[in-house]
C-alpha atoms as a PDB file:
ATOM      1  CA  MET A   1       9.141  -2.795  -4.226  1.00  0.00           C
ATOM      2  CA  ASP A   2       6.131  -5.098  -4.290  1.00  0.00           C
ATOM      3  CA  LYS A   3       6.673  -8.246  -2.231  1.00  0.00           C
ATOM      4  CA  LYS A   4       4.714 -10.189  -4.845  1.00  0.00           C
ATOM      5  CA  ASP A   5       7.332  -9.319  -7.460  1.00  0.00           C
ATOM      6  CA  ILE A   6       9.997 -12.046  -7.676  1.00  0.00           C
ATOM      7  CA  SER A   7      12.696  -9.362  -7.894  1.00  0.00           C
ATOM      8  CA  TYR A   8      11.928  -8.492  -4.273  1.00  0.00           C
ATOM      9  CA  ILE A   9      13.520 -11.630  -2.839  1.00  0.00           C
ATOM     10  CA  TYR A  10      16.536 -11.397  -5.150  1.00  0.00           C
ATOM     11  CA  GLU A  11      17.080  -7.789  -4.052  1.00  0.00           C
ATOM     12  CA  ARG A  12      16.884  -8.706  -0.365  1.00  0.00           C
ATOM     13  CA  ALA A  13      19.195 -11.709  -0.703  1.00  0.00           C
ATOM     14  CA  SER A  14      21.650  -9.672  -2.793  1.00  0.00           C
ATOM     15  CA  GLN A  15      21.818  -6.913  -0.190  1.00  0.00           C
ATOM     16  CA  ARG A  16      22.324  -9.451   2.563  1.00  0.00           C
ATOM     17  CA  ILE A  17      25.066 -11.293   0.673  1.00  0.00           C
ATOM     18  CA  LYS A  18      26.957  -8.017   0.394  1.00  0.00           C
ATOM     19  CA  PHE A  19      26.226  -7.105   4.031  1.00  0.00           C
ATOM     20  CA  PHE A  20      27.432 -10.437   5.422  1.00  0.00           C
ATOM     21  CA  ARG A  21      30.454 -10.543   3.089  1.00  0.00           C
ATOM     22  CA  LYS A  22      31.535  -7.187   4.471  1.00  0.00           C
ATOM     23  CA  TYR A  23      30.715  -8.338   8.010  1.00  0.00           C
ATOM     24  CA  ARG A  24      33.167 -11.204   7.434  1.00  0.00           C
ATOM     25  CA  ASN A  25      35.724  -8.649   6.159  1.00  0.00           C
ATOM     26  CA  MET A  26      35.898 -10.337   2.784  1.00  0.00           C
ATOM     27  CA  THR A  27      36.320  -8.732  -0.589  1.00  0.00           C
ATOM     28  CA  GLN A  28      34.428  -9.998  -3.602  1.00  0.00           C
ATOM     29  CA  GLU A  29      37.718 -11.436  -4.809  1.00  0.00           C
ATOM     30  CA  GLN A  30      38.253 -13.329  -1.548  1.00  0.00           C
ATOM     31  CA  LEU A  31      34.729 -14.730  -1.621  1.00  0.00           C
ATOM     32  CA  SER A  32      35.282 -15.709  -5.228  1.00  0.00           C
ATOM     33  CA  MET A  33      38.519 -17.512  -4.413  1.00  0.00           C
ATOM     34  CA  ASN A  34      36.796 -19.218  -1.472  1.00  0.00           C
ATOM     35  CA  SER A  35      33.941 -20.433  -3.678  1.00  0.00           C
ATOM     36  CA  THR A  36      33.369 -21.724  -7.183  1.00  0.00           C
ATOM     37  CA  PHE A  37      31.937 -18.405  -8.427  1.00  0.00           C
ATOM     38  CA  SER A  38      33.711 -15.677 -10.350  1.00  0.00           C
ATOM     39  CA  ARG A  39      34.218 -12.248  -8.847  1.00  0.00           C
ATOM     40  CA  GLY A  40      32.108 -10.850 -11.677  1.00  0.00           C
ATOM     41  CA  PHE A  41      29.192 -13.116 -10.796  1.00  0.00           C
ATOM     42  CA  ILE A  42      29.407 -12.072  -7.133  1.00  0.00           C
ATOM     43  CA  ALA A  43      29.635  -8.411  -8.183  1.00  0.00           C
ATOM     44  CA  ASN A  44      26.529  -8.845 -10.366  1.00  0.00           C
ATOM     45  CA  ILE A  45      24.637 -10.478  -7.503  1.00  0.00           C
ATOM     46  CA  GLU A  46      25.517  -7.610  -5.153  1.00  0.00           C
ATOM     47  CA  SER A  47      24.932  -4.770  -7.625  1.00  0.00           C
ATOM     48  CA  PRO A  48      21.598  -2.945  -7.324  1.00  0.00           C
ATOM     49  CA  LYS A  49      22.002  -1.986 -11.000  1.00  0.00           C
ATOM     50  CA  THR A  50      22.081  -5.592 -12.185  1.00  0.00           C
ATOM     51  CA  ASN A  51      19.172  -7.981 -11.959  1.00  0.00           C
ATOM     52  CA  GLN A  52      21.358 -11.055 -11.542  1.00  0.00           C
ATOM     53  CA  THR A  53      19.329 -14.118 -10.697  1.00  0.00           C
ATOM     54  CA  PHE A  54      20.837 -17.075  -8.889  1.00  0.00           C
ATOM     55  CA  SER A  55      19.703 -20.436  -7.650  1.00  0.00           C
ATOM     56  CA  LEU A  56      18.875 -21.594  -4.167  1.00  0.00           C
ATOM     57  CA  GLY A  57      22.003 -23.749  -4.457  1.00  0.00           C
ATOM     58  CA  VAL A  58      24.131 -20.629  -5.009  1.00  0.00           C
ATOM     59  CA  LEU A  59      22.572 -18.968  -1.969  1.00  0.00           C
ATOM     60  CA  TYR A  60      23.118 -22.107   0.104  1.00  0.00           C
ATOM     61  CA  TYR A  61      26.765 -22.350  -0.962  1.00  0.00           C
ATOM     62  CA  LEU A  62      27.421 -18.674  -0.196  1.00  0.00           C
ATOM     63  CA  SER A  63      25.766 -19.063   3.197  1.00  0.00           C
ATOM     64  CA  ILE A  64      28.206 -21.875   3.965  1.00  0.00           C
ATOM     65  CA  LYS A  65      31.217 -19.879   2.756  1.00  0.00           C
ATOM     66  CA  LEU A  66      30.120 -16.844   4.777  1.00  0.00           C
ATOM     67  CA  ASP A  67      29.161 -19.010   7.780  1.00  0.00           C
ATOM     68  CA  ILE A  68      25.731 -17.390   8.003  1.00  0.00           C
ATOM     69  CA  PRO A  69      22.468 -19.366   8.318  1.00  0.00           C
ATOM     70  CA  ILE A  70      20.717 -19.366   4.944  1.00  0.00           C
ATOM     71  CA  GLU A  71      17.448 -18.094   6.384  1.00  0.00           C
ATOM     72  CA  LEU A  72      19.097 -14.774   7.294  1.00  0.00           C
ATOM     73  CA  PHE A  73      19.453 -13.975   3.602  1.00  0.00           C
ATOM     74  CA  VAL A  74      15.707 -14.082   2.993  1.00  0.00           C
ATOM     75  CA  LYS A  75      13.945 -13.597   6.334  1.00  0.00           C
ATOM     76  CA  GLU A  76      11.989 -10.338   6.586  1.00  0.00           C
ATOM     77  CA  ASP A  77      13.220  -9.112   9.986  1.00  0.00           C
ATOM     78  CA  ILE A  78      16.642 -10.250  11.167  1.00  0.00           C
ATOM     79  CA  SER A  79      17.179  -7.579  13.829  1.00  0.00           C
ATOM     80  CA  LYS A  80      17.130 -10.131  16.672  1.00  0.00           C
ATOM     81  CA  GLU A  81      19.654 -12.356  14.912  1.00  0.00           C
ATOM     82  CA  LEU A  82      21.915  -9.398  14.169  1.00  0.00           C
ATOM     83  CA  LYS A  83      21.720  -8.320  17.805  1.00  0.00           C
ATOM     84  CA  ASP A  84      22.621 -11.857  18.884  1.00  0.00           C
ATOM     85  CA  MET A  85      25.636 -11.664  16.555  1.00  0.00           C
ATOM     86  CA  GLY A  86      26.675  -8.343  18.106  1.00  0.00           C
ATOM     87  CA  ILE A  87      25.834  -6.324  14.989  1.00  0.00           C
ATOM     88  CA  ASN A  88      24.149  -2.975  15.524  1.00  0.00           C
ATOM     89  CA  THR A  89      22.420  -1.544  12.493  1.00  0.00           C
END
């Protein structure tokens, strides 16, 4: 995907939301109950088949609920941060 296409950053953030939710051993339902967002909205964000957009505020709120620094959802290379967290990919 072209980095100049706005969908690129949504796709990256969506993949990372799902990755970190699973890292925290949370289901979509648990994240939903722990936030103000419906499970369907979270499912749409995480689905590669859906082009669900969301605001920076949504990303910020999810980063708080997942206890993950917001920059890790959008930063190009997070391998060092993952290593520091003890996550091998």
